[in-house]
Protein backbone atom coordinates (compact mmCIF):
# COMPACT_ATOMS: atom_id res chain seq x y z
CA MET A 1 -15.31 -64.86 -85.73
CA PRO A 2 -13.12 -67.39 -87.57
CA GLU A 3 -9.57 -66.00 -87.77
CA GLY A 4 -6.93 -66.46 -90.44
CA HIS A 5 -5.80 -69.97 -89.47
CA SER A 6 -9.35 -71.32 -89.94
CA VAL A 7 -9.70 -69.79 -93.41
CA HIS A 8 -6.35 -71.25 -94.49
CA ARG A 9 -7.50 -74.68 -93.16
CA ILE A 10 -10.72 -74.38 -95.15
CA ALA A 11 -8.78 -73.46 -98.31
CA ARG A 12 -6.50 -76.52 -97.95
CA GLN A 13 -9.51 -78.71 -97.38
CA PHE A 14 -11.07 -77.46 -100.62
CA ASP A 15 -7.77 -77.87 -102.42
CA ARG A 16 -7.59 -81.59 -101.60
CA ASN A 17 -11.30 -82.39 -101.88
CA PHE A 18 -12.78 -80.08 -104.54
CA VAL A 19 -10.12 -78.59 -106.81
CA GLY A 20 -9.95 -80.62 -110.02
CA HIS A 21 -13.47 -81.94 -109.59
CA ARG A 22 -16.65 -80.94 -111.48
CA LEU A 23 -19.13 -79.77 -108.90
CA SER A 24 -22.80 -79.71 -108.36
CA ALA A 25 -24.06 -76.60 -106.62
CA VAL A 26 -27.42 -75.62 -105.11
CA SER A 27 -28.67 -73.04 -102.66
CA PRO A 28 -31.03 -74.83 -100.29
CA GLN A 29 -31.84 -71.54 -98.52
CA GLY A 30 -32.53 -69.87 -101.84
CA ARG A 31 -30.48 -66.70 -101.15
CA PHE A 32 -27.66 -67.71 -103.49
CA ALA A 33 -29.75 -69.47 -106.17
CA GLU A 34 -28.31 -67.39 -109.09
CA GLY A 35 -24.71 -67.88 -108.00
CA ALA A 36 -25.23 -71.62 -107.35
CA ALA A 37 -26.75 -72.03 -110.84
CA LEU A 38 -23.63 -70.41 -112.37
CA ILE A 39 -21.31 -72.75 -110.41
CA ASP A 40 -23.34 -75.93 -111.07
CA GLY A 41 -21.53 -78.21 -113.47
CA CYS A 42 -18.29 -76.19 -113.38
CA THR A 43 -14.86 -77.49 -112.35
CA ALA A 44 -13.10 -76.02 -109.30
CA THR A 45 -9.68 -75.03 -110.69
CA SER A 46 -7.91 -73.36 -107.78
CA VAL A 47 -8.44 -71.98 -104.33
CA ARG A 48 -6.70 -69.36 -102.23
CA ALA A 49 -7.07 -67.81 -98.75
CA VAL A 50 -6.02 -64.30 -97.87
CA GLY A 51 -6.62 -63.25 -94.26
CA LYS A 52 -10.24 -63.99 -93.42
CA GLN A 53 -11.40 -64.45 -97.04
CA MET A 54 -11.38 -67.49 -99.29
CA PHE A 55 -11.54 -67.45 -103.07
CA LEU A 56 -12.56 -70.54 -105.08
CA GLU A 57 -11.98 -70.45 -108.85
CA PHE A 58 -14.14 -72.17 -111.40
CA ASP A 59 -13.15 -73.09 -114.99
CA GLU A 60 -10.34 -70.51 -114.74
CA THR A 61 -13.06 -67.99 -115.45
CA PHE A 62 -14.75 -66.71 -112.34
CA TRP A 63 -14.40 -66.91 -108.57
CA LEU A 64 -16.54 -67.52 -105.54
CA ARG A 65 -15.54 -65.18 -102.67
CA VAL A 66 -16.55 -66.13 -99.14
CA HIS A 67 -16.07 -64.18 -95.98
CA LEU A 68 -17.42 -66.14 -92.97
CA GLY A 69 -17.82 -63.11 -90.73
CA MET A 70 -18.99 -63.63 -87.12
CA TYR A 71 -21.21 -66.71 -87.54
CA GLY A 72 -20.29 -68.39 -90.79
CA ALA A 73 -18.92 -71.88 -91.24
CA TRP A 74 -18.27 -74.57 -93.81
CA ASP A 75 -19.68 -77.99 -92.85
CA PHE A 76 -18.27 -81.03 -94.59
CA ALA A 77 -19.78 -84.48 -95.00
CA GLY A 78 -18.78 -87.65 -96.80
CA GLU A 79 -15.16 -88.69 -97.39
CA ILE A 80 -12.53 -86.07 -96.67
CA LEU A 81 -8.97 -86.40 -97.93
CA THR A 82 -6.88 -84.81 -95.24
CA ASP A 83 -3.89 -82.53 -95.71
CA PRO A 84 -0.74 -84.38 -94.51
CA THR A 85 0.70 -81.06 -93.31
CA ILE A 86 -2.20 -80.52 -90.88
CA ALA A 87 -2.39 -82.24 -87.50
CA SER A 88 -5.14 -82.87 -84.92
CA ALA A 89 -8.50 -84.13 -86.20
CA ASN A 90 -7.03 -86.16 -89.10
CA GLY A 91 -5.42 -88.64 -86.75
CA ARG A 92 -1.84 -87.64 -87.38
CA MET A 93 0.44 -88.59 -84.51
CA GLY A 94 3.25 -86.77 -82.81
CA GLN A 95 2.05 -83.14 -82.79
CA THR A 96 4.43 -80.65 -81.42
CA ASN A 97 3.68 -77.35 -79.65
CA GLN A 98 5.39 -74.03 -80.41
CA ARG A 99 8.54 -75.00 -78.56
CA GLY A 100 8.73 -78.60 -79.62
CA THR A 101 7.14 -80.58 -76.79
CA GLU A 102 6.04 -83.84 -78.41
CA VAL A 103 2.56 -85.19 -77.63
CA ALA A 104 2.13 -88.85 -78.53
CA GLU A 105 -1.55 -88.75 -79.36
CA THR A 106 -4.02 -86.53 -81.23
CA VAL A 107 -5.68 -84.09 -78.82
CA MET A 108 -9.14 -82.97 -79.80
CA ASP A 109 -10.71 -79.67 -78.78
CA THR A 110 -13.84 -80.10 -76.72
CA ALA A 111 -15.66 -77.34 -78.59
CA GLY A 112 -14.82 -78.81 -81.99
CA GLU A 113 -12.46 -75.91 -82.90
CA ASN A 114 -10.03 -78.25 -84.71
CA SER A 115 -12.68 -80.37 -86.39
CA LEU A 116 -12.40 -81.36 -90.06
CA SER A 117 -16.12 -81.62 -90.38
CA SER A 118 -17.06 -78.04 -89.46
CA ILE A 119 -14.61 -75.12 -89.81
CA GLY A 120 -15.80 -71.73 -88.61
CA ALA A 121 -18.48 -71.42 -86.01
CA PRO A 122 -18.32 -74.89 -84.37
CA ARG A 123 -21.04 -77.32 -85.49
CA ARG A 124 -21.48 -81.07 -85.75
CA ALA A 125 -21.26 -82.54 -89.26
CA ARG A 126 -21.11 -86.06 -90.70
CA VAL A 127 -17.75 -87.09 -92.01
CA ARG A 128 -15.72 -90.07 -93.10
CA VAL A 129 -12.03 -89.14 -93.04
CA ARG A 130 -9.56 -90.59 -95.51
CA MET A 131 -5.95 -90.28 -94.45
CA SER A 132 -4.70 -90.49 -98.05
CA GLU A 133 -5.96 -91.55 -101.43
CA GLN A 134 -5.09 -95.14 -100.57
CA THR A 135 -5.99 -95.49 -96.85
CA LYS A 136 -9.41 -94.98 -95.30
CA GLY A 137 -9.81 -93.75 -91.77
CA LEU A 138 -12.73 -94.67 -89.51
CA ALA A 139 -16.03 -92.82 -89.81
CA ASP A 140 -16.80 -90.25 -87.15
CA GLU A 141 -20.45 -90.34 -88.06
CA GLU A 142 -21.79 -91.49 -91.42
CA SER A 143 -25.04 -90.52 -93.10
CA GLU A 144 -27.19 -93.30 -94.50
CA GLN A 145 -28.35 -90.95 -97.24
CA TRP A 146 -26.16 -89.44 -99.91
CA PRO A 147 -26.03 -86.52 -100.18
CA PRO A 148 -27.16 -85.86 -96.68
CA PRO A 149 -30.24 -83.66 -96.33
CA PRO A 150 -29.42 -79.99 -95.71
CA VAL A 151 -29.78 -78.98 -92.11
CA GLY A 152 -30.63 -75.41 -91.19
CA GLN A 153 -30.05 -72.37 -93.42
CA VAL A 154 -27.55 -73.58 -95.98
CA ARG A 155 -26.60 -70.69 -98.29
CA LEU A 156 -24.60 -72.81 -100.68
CA ARG A 157 -23.99 -76.52 -101.04
CA LEU A 158 -21.02 -77.83 -103.21
CA LEU A 159 -20.90 -81.53 -104.09
CA THR A 160 -18.42 -83.98 -105.64
CA ASP A 161 -19.32 -87.61 -105.93
CA ARG A 162 -17.96 -88.23 -102.39
CA THR A 163 -17.67 -84.94 -100.51
CA CYS A 164 -20.29 -82.31 -99.54
CA ALA A 165 -19.57 -78.80 -98.30
CA ASP A 166 -22.34 -76.67 -96.88
CA LEU A 167 -21.89 -72.96 -96.28
CA ARG A 168 -23.93 -71.34 -93.49
CA GLY A 169 -24.17 -67.80 -92.17
CA PRO A 170 -21.45 -66.01 -94.16
CA THR A 171 -21.05 -62.25 -94.19
CA ALA A 172 -20.13 -62.36 -97.88
CA CYS A 173 -20.81 -64.94 -100.54
CA ALA A 174 -20.41 -63.56 -104.06
CA ILE A 175 -19.41 -64.43 -107.63
CA GLN A 176 -16.56 -62.25 -108.83
CA THR A 177 -14.45 -61.71 -111.89
CA PRO A 178 -10.70 -62.06 -111.71
CA ASP A 179 -10.36 -58.26 -111.69
CA GLU A 180 -12.81 -57.96 -108.84
CA VAL A 181 -10.90 -60.54 -106.83
CA ALA A 182 -7.63 -58.72 -107.48
CA THR A 183 -9.20 -55.48 -106.26
CA VAL A 184 -10.36 -57.11 -103.02
CA ILE A 185 -6.96 -58.65 -102.36
CA ASP A 186 -5.07 -55.46 -103.15
CA LYS A 187 -6.97 -53.76 -100.30
CA LEU A 188 -5.89 -56.36 -97.74
CA GLY A 189 -2.82 -56.15 -95.58
CA PRO A 190 -0.03 -58.75 -95.74
CA ASP A 191 -0.73 -62.35 -94.92
CA PRO A 192 2.35 -64.45 -93.81
CA LEU A 193 1.05 -67.49 -95.69
CA VAL A 194 0.52 -65.56 -98.94
CA ASP A 195 3.05 -62.74 -99.13
CA ASP A 196 6.81 -62.81 -98.88
CA VAL A 197 7.45 -62.81 -95.11
CA ALA A 198 10.23 -60.22 -95.09
CA GLU A 199 8.32 -57.88 -97.46
CA GLY A 200 5.17 -58.40 -95.39
CA GLU A 201 7.10 -57.40 -92.22
CA ASP A 202 8.38 -54.22 -93.83
CA ARG A 203 4.99 -53.29 -95.21
CA PHE A 204 3.19 -53.89 -91.87
CA THR A 205 5.81 -52.03 -89.89
CA GLN A 206 5.84 -49.02 -92.20
CA VAL A 207 2.02 -48.70 -92.01
CA VAL A 208 1.83 -49.09 -88.23
CA LEU A 209 4.66 -46.59 -87.53
CA ARG A 210 2.90 -43.76 -89.40
CA LYS A 211 -0.60 -44.26 -87.86
CA PRO A 212 -1.98 -42.33 -84.85
CA THR A 213 -4.51 -45.19 -84.30
CA PRO A 214 -3.95 -47.34 -81.24
CA ILE A 215 -2.05 -50.51 -81.96
CA GLY A 216 -4.88 -52.57 -80.50
CA LEU A 217 -7.19 -51.31 -83.31
CA LEU A 218 -4.57 -51.51 -86.05
CA LEU A 219 -4.14 -55.23 -85.49
CA MET A 220 -7.84 -55.73 -86.25
CA ASP A 221 -7.68 -53.63 -89.40
CA GLN A 222 -7.50 -56.04 -92.28
CA SER A 223 -6.04 -53.38 -94.55
CA VAL A 224 -3.07 -53.19 -92.18
CA ILE A 225 -2.52 -56.91 -91.55
CA SER A 226 -4.64 -59.87 -92.66
CA GLY A 227 -6.14 -62.67 -90.59
CA ILE A 228 -5.92 -61.34 -87.00
CA GLY A 229 -9.12 -61.32 -85.01
CA ASN A 230 -10.06 -60.73 -81.41
CA VAL A 231 -8.24 -63.75 -79.93
CA TYR A 232 -4.95 -63.32 -81.73
CA ARG A 233 -5.05 -59.56 -81.18
CA ALA A 234 -5.22 -59.89 -77.40
CA GLU A 235 -2.64 -62.67 -77.29
CA LEU A 236 -0.09 -61.00 -79.62
CA LEU A 237 -0.21 -57.79 -77.67
CA PHE A 238 0.25 -59.64 -74.34
CA ARG A 239 3.14 -61.67 -75.72
CA ALA A 240 4.74 -58.38 -76.87
CA GLN A 241 4.00 -56.80 -73.46
CA GLN A 242 2.51 -53.95 -75.43
CA ASN A 243 -0.21 -51.57 -74.23
CA PRO A 244 -3.08 -51.81 -76.70
CA HIS A 245 -3.84 -48.09 -76.44
CA THR A 246 -0.45 -46.89 -77.59
CA PRO A 247 -0.66 -45.10 -80.95
CA GLY A 248 0.97 -47.10 -83.73
CA ARG A 249 3.47 -44.40 -84.47
CA GLU A 250 4.68 -44.44 -80.84
CA VAL A 251 5.31 -48.19 -80.71
CA ARG A 252 9.00 -49.10 -81.10
CA ASP A 253 10.09 -50.43 -84.44
CA ASP A 254 11.45 -53.62 -82.93
CA VAL A 255 8.16 -54.30 -81.11
CA VAL A 256 6.13 -53.91 -84.28
CA ARG A 257 8.45 -56.30 -86.11
CA GLY A 258 8.32 -58.68 -83.18
CA ILE A 259 4.51 -58.76 -83.39
CA TRP A 260 4.71 -59.62 -87.07
CA ARG A 261 7.22 -62.40 -86.44
CA ASP A 262 5.16 -63.76 -83.65
CA TRP A 263 2.05 -63.77 -85.93
CA VAL A 264 4.01 -65.66 -88.61
CA ARG A 265 4.75 -68.38 -86.00
CA MET A 266 1.29 -68.56 -84.35
CA LEU A 267 -0.49 -68.59 -87.65
CA ALA A 268 1.52 -71.65 -88.74
CA VAL A 269 0.70 -73.36 -85.45
CA GLY A 270 -3.02 -72.53 -85.85
CA VAL A 271 -3.14 -73.93 -89.37
CA GLU A 272 -1.41 -77.16 -88.26
CA THR A 273 -3.45 -77.77 -85.16
CA GLY A 274 -6.72 -75.96 -85.86
CA GLN A 275 -6.48 -74.19 -82.56
CA MET A 276 -5.34 -70.74 -81.51
CA MET A 277 -2.55 -72.07 -79.24
CA THR A 278 -0.75 -68.97 -77.90
CA MET A 279 1.11 -70.34 -74.84
CA ASP A 280 4.68 -71.53 -74.94
CA ASP A 281 6.87 -73.88 -72.87
CA LEU A 282 4.01 -76.14 -71.70
CA ASP A 283 4.83 -79.55 -70.32
CA PRO A 284 3.05 -82.42 -72.08
CA ASP A 285 0.14 -82.59 -69.58
CA SER A 286 -0.42 -78.79 -69.69
CA TYR A 287 -0.26 -78.94 -73.51
CA ARG A 288 -2.92 -81.67 -73.64
CA ARG A 289 -5.21 -79.57 -71.40
CA ALA A 290 -4.60 -76.48 -73.54
CA MET A 291 -5.30 -78.28 -76.78
CA ALA A 292 -8.54 -79.67 -75.32
CA SER A 293 -9.79 -76.45 -73.77
CA ARG A 294 -9.57 -72.81 -74.68
CA ASP A 295 -9.56 -71.85 -71.00
CA ASP A 296 -6.10 -73.39 -70.70
CA ARG A 297 -4.80 -72.15 -74.05
CA HIS A 298 -4.52 -68.36 -73.76
CA TRP A 299 -2.72 -65.76 -71.67
CA VAL A 300 -5.41 -63.09 -71.45
CA TYR A 301 -8.25 -63.72 -73.91
CA HIS A 302 -11.57 -64.48 -72.19
CA ARG A 303 -9.94 -64.11 -68.75
CA ALA A 304 -11.61 -60.89 -67.57
CA GLY A 305 -11.22 -60.49 -63.80
CA LEU A 306 -8.97 -63.57 -63.46
CA PRO A 307 -5.37 -63.19 -62.36
CA CYS A 308 -2.70 -62.65 -64.97
CA ARG A 309 -0.78 -65.91 -65.47
CA VAL A 310 2.47 -63.87 -65.12
CA CYS A 311 1.95 -61.14 -62.53
CA GLY A 312 -1.33 -61.98 -60.82
CA THR A 313 -3.02 -58.65 -61.70
CA ALA A 314 -6.72 -58.96 -62.73
CA ILE A 315 -7.13 -59.11 -66.48
CA VAL A 316 -9.14 -56.13 -67.83
CA MET A 317 -11.87 -56.44 -70.42
CA GLU A 318 -13.05 -53.30 -72.19
CA GLN A 319 -14.80 -52.36 -75.40
CA ALA A 320 -12.66 -51.19 -78.27
CA ALA A 321 -14.47 -50.27 -81.51
CA GLY A 322 -17.33 -52.58 -80.52
CA ARG A 323 -15.14 -55.61 -79.76
CA LYS A 324 -13.99 -57.02 -76.45
CA LEU A 325 -10.34 -56.22 -75.65
CA TYR A 326 -8.51 -58.23 -72.98
CA TRP A 327 -5.23 -57.13 -71.50
CA CYS A 328 -3.10 -57.04 -68.35
CA PRO A 329 -2.75 -53.47 -67.06
CA ARG A 330 0.55 -54.31 -65.36
CA CYS A 331 2.40 -56.54 -67.83
CA GLN A 332 1.26 -54.35 -70.70
CA ALA A 333 1.56 -51.01 -68.96
């Protein structure tokens, strides 16, 4: 499932390429025909991401709410104006990891996780990247037909005169009023990129410390904290050396606050790089490997049965509320 960093990257991509433009909209699949007809001919006036949900406003009147869920993705084609604050696939040089190790070249993820052309479930899409309004980048792959023909089950297609966005497989795709959007957002936990960071820390800590629910489940509860999914959950808990089964109310206050602060930092790295980089203090070669491959990027996630990178104990994988939970029974005892 796309986690919070991906949704914020999508929102920034829409901000640069769609907000301020009058859009054409169709539903090639047919399942969102009524909503597409309402959007068609309207101007995108703002966009925001909160946790795992994105909200795109039209004519300052109504909103499109999208939750990608497990399998959803936005595929982009045409010319894409890139966000200068975002590294990796846009060709920006001199990325840095969490502790400041400089890498001289852009490092692409082999699975396409940091792609500009498909954000969400990895897919291949046609794209011509523009580094700025004045400078054109090289085409990754360019369609001879504009707009490119829809491929697969496209729920919604949004078009400007130069950029195409295709939405596939979302859990939620709905037209909402401003009041309905406010109601949805009010039910979500704090997001470090939306809420005041200090207030978000206090709010998150207060909720966790009164809950009997295991901390490993609380981190996945979007009403407690926004944007964390299975990968970040496992990695945050390992980095905190926290047993995932400990009830929230039994976790120390300083540990809960440390998890929030770590999430603030890792979310920022994820938005910049497009990858869930959760390991620190890597030398340049190790950093390149980690940026290129998830297997070299995480402490415990997807490492069931492999030795812990710290203590050598076999990493455990178990089911928790229907999702896979990875943790080290020694480091997190």
